[in-house]
Amino acid sequence: MSTIRLFNKHVNGHPDDLGAVTAFREYLAAQKVKYPAERVLEAVATAHGLTVADLRTTSRRRAVSLARHHAAWELKRRRVDLSYQAIADALQRTNHATALHSVQTFVEYVKRGYYAAERDAVARTLEDKA
């Protein structure tokens, strides 16, 4: 969900409502604490039997690139405040379009039901540490 759509959901159509805006800011701050980018990357790497360093390599091996797609998707999903460039930076990529491609690719995998076990493992890991 985009930050704007999430904002609209929180303010419930009343962007002048200071309480709703404050609640949204608090939500974003809580997500930063609950899901630091490094922790999300660790959870994804572990779920795929890799290391965070593997996710950040330039390797094009299928297992690594799919895990990297998953990492970008998890970051975008759990940290709506992160831009695609910030996600690319977390994965040591140079271009925001790389992160965008990763997220779009993994969305298609999710629609097809692929990598459910890995997604569940990441969810369990992140919720256990919350």
N, C-alpha and C. Protein backbone atom coordinates (compact mmCIF):
# COMPACT_ATOMS: atom_id res chain seq x y z
N MET A 1 0.85 -1.16 0.00
CA MET A 1 0.00 0.00 0.00
C MET A 1 0.90 1.23 0.00
N SER A 2 0.57 2.17 -0.84
CA SER A 2 1.40 3.37 -0.92
C SER A 2 1.23 4.22 0.34
N THR A 3 2.20 5.05 0.60
CA THR A 3 2.14 5.92 1.77
C THR A 3 0.93 6.84 1.70
N ILE A 4 0.61 7.33 0.51
CA ILE A 4 -0.54 8.23 0.36
C ILE A 4 -1.84 7.50 0.65
N ARG A 5 -2.00 6.29 0.11
CA ARG A 5 -3.22 5.53 0.39
C ARG A 5 -3.32 5.19 1.87
N LEU A 6 -2.19 4.84 2.47
CA LEU A 6 -2.18 4.53 3.89
C LEU A 6 -2.53 5.77 4.71
N PHE A 7 -1.99 6.91 4.31
CA PHE A 7 -2.32 8.17 4.98
C PHE A 7 -3.81 8.43 4.89
N ASN A 8 -4.38 8.29 3.70
CA ASN A 8 -5.81 8.53 3.51
C ASN A 8 -6.64 7.57 4.35
N LYS A 9 -6.18 6.35 4.49
CA LYS A 9 -6.89 5.37 5.32
C LYS A 9 -6.88 5.82 6.78
N HIS A 10 -5.74 6.32 7.25
CA HIS A 10 -5.63 6.74 8.64
C HIS A 10 -6.41 8.02 8.93
N VAL A 11 -6.40 8.96 8.00
CA VAL A 11 -7.10 10.22 8.26
C VAL A 11 -8.58 10.12 7.88
N ASN A 12 -8.97 9.01 7.27
CA ASN A 12 -10.36 8.73 6.96
C ASN A 12 -11.04 9.88 6.20
N GLY A 13 -10.31 10.42 5.24
CA GLY A 13 -10.89 11.47 4.40
C GLY A 13 -10.88 12.85 5.03
N HIS A 14 -10.25 12.99 6.19
CA HIS A 14 -10.21 14.28 6.88
C HIS A 14 -8.76 14.69 7.15
N PRO A 15 -8.04 15.11 6.09
CA PRO A 15 -6.62 15.44 6.27
C PRO A 15 -6.39 16.64 7.18
N ASP A 16 -7.44 17.42 7.49
CA ASP A 16 -7.27 18.55 8.39
C ASP A 16 -7.39 18.12 9.85
N ASP A 17 -7.75 16.86 10.07
CA ASP A 17 -7.89 16.34 11.43
C ASP A 17 -6.50 16.09 12.00
N LEU A 18 -6.09 16.98 12.90
CA LEU A 18 -4.74 16.90 13.47
C LEU A 18 -4.51 15.58 14.21
N GLY A 19 -5.52 15.07 14.85
CA GLY A 19 -5.38 13.80 15.58
C GLY A 19 -5.08 12.65 14.63
N ALA A 20 -5.75 12.63 13.49
CA ALA A 20 -5.52 11.56 12.52
C ALA A 20 -4.13 11.67 11.91
N VAL A 21 -3.69 12.88 11.61
CA VAL A 21 -2.36 13.09 11.05
C VAL A 21 -1.31 12.67 12.08
N THR A 22 -1.51 13.03 13.32
CA THR A 22 -0.58 12.65 14.38
C THR A 22 -0.54 11.13 14.53
N ALA A 23 -1.69 10.49 14.47
CA ALA A 23 -1.76 9.03 14.58
C ALA A 23 -0.99 8.37 13.43
N PHE A 24 -1.12 8.95 12.25
CA PHE A 24 -0.40 8.39 11.10
C PHE A 24 1.11 8.53 11.29
N ARG A 25 1.54 9.68 11.76
CA ARG A 25 2.98 9.87 12.00
C ARG A 25 3.48 8.90 13.06
N GLU A 26 2.68 8.67 14.08
CA GLU A 26 3.05 7.71 15.13
C GLU A 26 3.13 6.30 14.56
N TYR A 27 2.20 5.97 13.66
CA TYR A 27 2.22 4.66 13.00
C TYR A 27 3.52 4.47 12.22
N LEU A 28 3.90 5.47 11.44
CA LEU A 28 5.14 5.38 10.67
C LEU A 28 6.36 5.24 11.58
N ALA A 29 6.38 5.99 12.66
CA ALA A 29 7.50 5.91 13.61
C ALA A 29 7.56 4.53 14.25
N ALA A 30 6.41 3.96 14.55
CA ALA A 30 6.38 2.62 15.15
C ALA A 30 6.88 1.57 14.16
N GLN A 31 6.57 1.74 12.88
CA GLN A 31 7.04 0.79 11.87
C GLN A 31 8.56 0.84 11.74
N LYS A 32 9.14 2.04 11.88
CA LYS A 32 10.60 2.16 11.81
C LYS A 32 11.27 1.41 12.95
N VAL A 33 10.65 1.45 14.12
CA VAL A 33 11.20 0.75 15.28
C VAL A 33 10.94 -0.75 15.18
N LYS A 34 9.73 -1.12 14.79
CA LYS A 34 9.34 -2.53 14.73
C LYS A 34 10.04 -3.28 13.61
N TYR A 35 10.24 -2.63 12.49
CA TYR A 35 10.83 -3.28 11.32
C TYR A 35 12.03 -2.50 10.77
N PRO A 36 13.12 -2.43 11.51
CA PRO A 36 14.31 -1.78 10.93
C PRO A 36 14.73 -2.54 9.67
N ALA A 37 15.20 -1.83 8.69
CA ALA A 37 15.55 -2.44 7.40
C ALA A 37 16.51 -3.61 7.58
N GLU A 38 17.49 -3.45 8.44
CA GLU A 38 18.48 -4.52 8.62
C GLU A 38 17.84 -5.79 9.18
N ARG A 39 16.89 -5.62 10.07
CA ARG A 39 16.22 -6.79 10.65
C ARG A 39 15.36 -7.51 9.61
N VAL A 40 14.71 -6.74 8.77
CA VAL A 40 13.91 -7.34 7.69
C VAL A 40 14.82 -8.11 6.74
N LEU A 41 15.96 -7.52 6.39
CA LEU A 41 16.91 -8.21 5.50
C LEU A 41 17.42 -9.49 6.14
N GLU A 42 17.71 -9.46 7.43
CA GLU A 42 18.18 -10.67 8.12
C GLU A 42 17.13 -11.76 8.09
N ALA A 43 15.87 -11.38 8.33
CA ALA A 43 14.79 -12.37 8.33
C ALA A 43 14.61 -13.00 6.95
N VAL A 44 14.67 -12.19 5.92
CA VAL A 44 14.52 -12.71 4.55
C VAL A 44 15.70 -13.62 4.19
N ALA A 45 16.90 -13.17 4.50
CA ALA A 45 18.09 -13.96 4.18
C ALA A 45 18.02 -15.32 4.88
N THR A 46 17.67 -15.32 6.15
CA THR A 46 17.56 -16.58 6.91
C THR A 46 16.50 -17.49 6.31
N ALA A 47 15.36 -16.93 5.93
CA ALA A 47 14.28 -17.72 5.35
C ALA A 47 14.70 -18.40 4.05
N HIS A 48 15.64 -17.79 3.34
CA HIS A 48 16.10 -18.35 2.07
C HIS A 48 17.43 -19.10 2.21
N GLY A 49 17.92 -19.23 3.44
CA GLY A 49 19.18 -19.94 3.67
C GLY A 49 20.40 -19.17 3.18
N LEU A 50 20.32 -17.86 3.22
CA LEU A 50 21.41 -16.99 2.76
C LEU A 50 21.83 -16.06 3.88
N THR A 51 22.78 -15.19 3.58
CA THR A 51 23.18 -14.14 4.51
C THR A 51 22.78 -12.79 3.93
N VAL A 52 22.79 -11.77 4.76
CA VAL A 52 22.50 -10.43 4.28
C VAL A 52 23.55 -10.02 3.24
N ALA A 53 24.78 -10.44 3.46
CA ALA A 53 25.84 -10.14 2.49
C ALA A 53 25.51 -10.75 1.13
N ASP A 54 24.91 -11.94 1.12
CA ASP A 54 24.50 -12.56 -0.15
C ASP A 54 23.46 -11.69 -0.87
N LEU A 55 22.51 -11.14 -0.10
CA LEU A 55 21.48 -10.29 -0.71
C LEU A 55 22.08 -9.05 -1.35
N ARG A 56 23.18 -8.60 -0.79
CA ARG A 56 23.80 -7.36 -1.26
C ARG A 56 24.84 -7.58 -2.35
N THR A 57 25.12 -8.81 -2.70
CA THR A 57 26.10 -9.07 -3.75
C THR A 57 25.48 -8.76 -5.11
N THR A 58 26.31 -8.80 -6.12
CA THR A 58 25.82 -8.60 -7.49
C THR A 58 25.48 -9.92 -8.16
N SER A 59 25.47 -10.99 -7.38
CA SER A 59 25.19 -12.32 -7.92
C SER A 59 23.83 -12.34 -8.62
N ARG A 60 23.81 -13.04 -9.75
CA ARG A 60 22.56 -13.19 -10.50
C ARG A 60 22.03 -14.62 -10.40
N ARG A 61 22.61 -15.39 -9.47
CA ARG A 61 22.09 -16.74 -9.24
C ARG A 61 20.62 -16.65 -8.88
N ARG A 62 19.84 -17.58 -9.36
CA ARG A 62 18.39 -17.52 -9.16
C ARG A 62 18.00 -17.43 -7.68
N ALA A 63 18.61 -18.26 -6.84
CA ALA A 63 18.26 -18.26 -5.42
C ALA A 63 18.53 -16.91 -4.78
N VAL A 64 19.62 -16.28 -5.16
CA VAL A 64 19.99 -14.99 -4.58
C VAL A 64 19.07 -13.89 -5.13
N SER A 65 18.85 -13.88 -6.42
CA SER A 65 18.03 -12.81 -7.00
C SER A 65 16.58 -12.90 -6.51
N LEU A 66 16.06 -14.12 -6.34
CA LEU A 66 14.69 -14.25 -5.84
C LEU A 66 14.60 -13.81 -4.38
N ALA A 67 15.61 -14.13 -3.60
CA ALA A 67 15.64 -13.67 -2.21
C ALA A 67 15.73 -12.14 -2.16
N ARG A 68 16.49 -11.57 -3.08
CA ARG A 68 16.61 -10.11 -3.15
C ARG A 68 15.27 -9.48 -3.51
N HIS A 69 14.53 -10.09 -4.44
CA HIS A 69 13.18 -9.61 -4.78
C HIS A 69 12.30 -9.66 -3.54
N HIS A 70 12.39 -10.77 -2.82
CA HIS A 70 11.59 -10.94 -1.61
C HIS A 70 11.94 -9.86 -0.59
N ALA A 71 13.22 -9.58 -0.42
CA ALA A 71 13.65 -8.56 0.54
C ALA A 71 13.09 -7.19 0.18
N ALA A 72 13.14 -6.83 -1.08
CA ALA A 72 12.61 -5.54 -1.52
C ALA A 72 11.10 -5.48 -1.26
N TRP A 73 10.40 -6.56 -1.55
CA TRP A 73 8.95 -6.62 -1.33
C TRP A 73 8.62 -6.47 0.15
N GLU A 74 9.35 -7.19 1.01
CA GLU A 74 9.11 -7.10 2.46
C GLU A 74 9.38 -5.69 2.97
N LEU A 75 10.44 -5.07 2.50
CA LEU A 75 10.74 -3.71 2.93
C LEU A 75 9.65 -2.74 2.51
N LYS A 76 9.18 -2.86 1.29
CA LYS A 76 8.14 -1.95 0.80
C LYS A 76 6.83 -2.19 1.55
N ARG A 77 6.56 -3.44 1.86
CA ARG A 77 5.32 -3.80 2.53
C ARG A 77 5.31 -3.39 4.01
N ARG A 78 6.41 -3.59 4.67
CA ARG A 78 6.47 -3.33 6.12
C ARG A 78 6.91 -1.92 6.46
N ARG A 79 7.58 -1.26 5.54
CA ARG A 79 8.09 0.10 5.78
C ARG A 79 7.62 1.01 4.66
N VAL A 80 6.37 1.43 4.74
CA VAL A 80 5.81 2.25 3.67
C VAL A 80 6.49 3.61 3.56
N ASP A 81 7.24 3.98 4.60
CA ASP A 81 7.95 5.26 4.54
C ASP A 81 9.18 5.20 3.65
N LEU A 82 9.64 4.01 3.32
CA LEU A 82 10.85 3.87 2.50
C LEU A 82 10.54 4.09 1.02
N SER A 83 11.33 4.91 0.40
CA SER A 83 11.21 5.11 -1.05
C SER A 83 11.90 3.93 -1.75
N TYR A 84 11.66 3.82 -3.03
CA TYR A 84 12.35 2.76 -3.79
C TYR A 84 13.85 2.99 -3.78
N GLN A 85 14.28 4.24 -3.77
CA GLN A 85 15.72 4.51 -3.70
C GLN A 85 16.28 4.06 -2.36
N ALA A 86 15.55 4.27 -1.28
CA ALA A 86 16.01 3.83 0.05
C ALA A 86 16.10 2.30 0.11
N ILE A 87 15.15 1.62 -0.52
CA ILE A 87 15.20 0.16 -0.58
C ILE A 87 16.41 -0.29 -1.40
N ALA A 88 16.63 0.37 -2.53
CA ALA A 88 17.80 0.04 -3.36
C ALA A 88 19.08 0.27 -2.56
N ASP A 89 19.14 1.34 -1.80
CA ASP A 89 20.32 1.61 -0.99
C ASP A 89 20.53 0.52 0.07
N ALA A 90 19.45 0.06 0.70
CA ALA A 90 19.56 -0.99 1.72
C ALA A 90 20.11 -2.28 1.13
N LEU A 91 19.81 -2.52 -0.14
CA LEU A 91 20.30 -3.72 -0.83
C LEU A 91 21.57 -3.45 -1.63
N GLN A 92 22.13 -2.28 -1.45
CA GLN A 92 23.34 -1.83 -2.14
C GLN A 92 23.20 -1.90 -3.66
N ARG A 93 22.09 -1.40 -4.13
CA ARG A 93 21.83 -1.24 -5.56
C ARG A 93 21.95 0.23 -5.88
N THR A 94 22.20 0.56 -7.11
CA THR A 94 22.44 1.96 -7.47
C THR A 94 21.21 2.71 -7.93
N ASN A 95 20.17 2.00 -8.33
CA ASN A 95 19.06 2.66 -8.99
C ASN A 95 17.74 2.24 -8.35
N HIS A 96 16.85 3.19 -8.17
CA HIS A 96 15.54 2.90 -7.59
C HIS A 96 14.74 1.94 -8.47
N ALA A 97 14.99 1.97 -9.77
CA ALA A 97 14.24 1.11 -10.67
C ALA A 97 14.51 -0.37 -10.41
N THR A 98 15.68 -0.67 -9.88
CA THR A 98 16.00 -2.05 -9.52
C THR A 98 15.07 -2.52 -8.40
N ALA A 99 14.88 -1.68 -7.40
CA ALA A 99 13.97 -2.03 -6.29
C ALA A 99 12.53 -2.12 -6.79
N LEU A 100 12.14 -1.20 -7.64
CA LEU A 100 10.79 -1.23 -8.20
C LEU A 100 10.56 -2.53 -8.96
N HIS A 101 11.51 -2.92 -9.79
CA HIS A 101 11.40 -4.17 -10.53
C HIS A 101 11.30 -5.36 -9.58
N SER A 102 12.11 -5.37 -8.53
CA SER A 102 12.08 -6.46 -7.57
C SER A 102 10.71 -6.59 -6.91
N VAL A 103 10.17 -5.46 -6.48
CA VAL A 103 8.86 -5.48 -5.82
C VAL A 103 7.79 -5.99 -6.79
N GLN A 104 7.79 -5.46 -8.00
CA GLN A 104 6.78 -5.89 -8.99
C GLN A 104 6.91 -7.37 -9.32
N THR A 105 8.13 -7.84 -9.43
CA THR A 105 8.36 -9.26 -9.74
C THR A 105 7.84 -10.13 -8.60
N PHE A 106 8.15 -9.74 -7.37
CA PHE A 106 7.74 -10.57 -6.25
C PHE A 106 6.23 -10.51 -6.04
N VAL A 107 5.60 -9.39 -6.37
CA VAL A 107 4.13 -9.31 -6.30
C VAL A 107 3.52 -10.38 -7.20
N GLU A 108 4.08 -10.57 -8.37
CA GLU A 108 3.58 -11.60 -9.28
C GLU A 108 3.77 -13.00 -8.69
N TYR A 109 4.88 -13.23 -8.03
CA TYR A 109 5.10 -14.53 -7.37
C TYR A 109 4.08 -14.75 -6.27
N VAL A 110 3.78 -13.71 -5.51
CA VAL A 110 2.80 -13.82 -4.43
C VAL A 110 1.42 -14.14 -4.99
N LYS A 111 1.05 -13.47 -6.08
CA LYS A 111 -0.24 -13.73 -6.72
C LYS A 111 -0.38 -15.19 -7.16
N ARG A 112 0.74 -15.79 -7.55
CA ARG A 112 0.75 -17.18 -8.00
C ARG A 112 0.90 -18.17 -6.84
N GLY A 113 1.10 -17.65 -5.65
CA GLY A 113 1.22 -18.50 -4.48
C GLY A 113 2.61 -19.05 -4.23
N TYR A 114 3.60 -18.52 -4.89
CA TYR A 114 4.97 -18.99 -4.72
C TYR A 114 5.58 -18.42 -3.43
N TYR A 115 6.55 -19.13 -2.91
CA TYR A 115 7.35 -18.69 -1.76
C TYR A 115 6.53 -18.42 -0.51
N ALA A 116 5.43 -19.14 -0.35
CA ALA A 116 4.59 -18.97 0.84
C ALA A 116 5.35 -19.36 2.10
N ALA A 117 6.12 -20.43 2.04
CA ALA A 117 6.86 -20.88 3.22
C ALA A 117 7.89 -19.83 3.65
N GLU A 118 8.57 -19.24 2.68
CA GLU A 118 9.56 -18.22 2.99
C GLU A 118 8.89 -16.97 3.56
N ARG A 119 7.75 -16.60 2.98
CA ARG A 119 7.02 -15.43 3.48
C ARG A 119 6.54 -15.67 4.91
N ASP A 120 6.05 -16.87 5.17
CA ASP A 120 5.59 -17.21 6.53
C ASP A 120 6.75 -17.21 7.52
N ALA A 121 7.91 -17.71 7.08
CA ALA A 121 9.08 -17.73 7.96
C ALA A 121 9.50 -16.31 8.32
N VAL A 122 9.47 -15.42 7.35
CA VAL A 122 9.83 -14.02 7.62
C VAL A 122 8.81 -13.41 8.59
N ALA A 123 7.53 -13.65 8.36
CA ALA A 123 6.50 -13.10 9.24
C ALA A 123 6.68 -13.61 10.67
N ARG A 124 6.94 -14.89 10.82
CA ARG A 124 7.15 -15.45 12.16
C ARG A 124 8.37 -14.83 12.83
N THR A 125 9.44 -14.71 12.08
CA THR A 125 10.67 -14.15 12.64
C THR A 125 10.46 -12.71 13.08
N LEU A 126 9.83 -11.92 12.25
CA LEU A 126 9.66 -10.50 12.57
C LEU A 126 8.65 -10.29 13.70
N GLU A 127 7.62 -11.12 13.76
CA GLU A 127 6.63 -10.98 14.82
C GLU A 127 7.18 -11.49 16.15
N ASP A 128 8.04 -12.51 16.11
CA ASP A 128 8.64 -13.01 17.35
C ASP A 128 9.53 -11.97 18.00
N LYS A 129 10.19 -11.17 17.17
CA LYS A 129 11.13 -10.19 17.68
C LYS A 129 10.46 -8.86 18.00
N ALA A 130 9.20 -8.73 17.65
CA ALA A 130 8.49 -7.45 17.85
C ALA A 130 8.25 -7.19 19.33
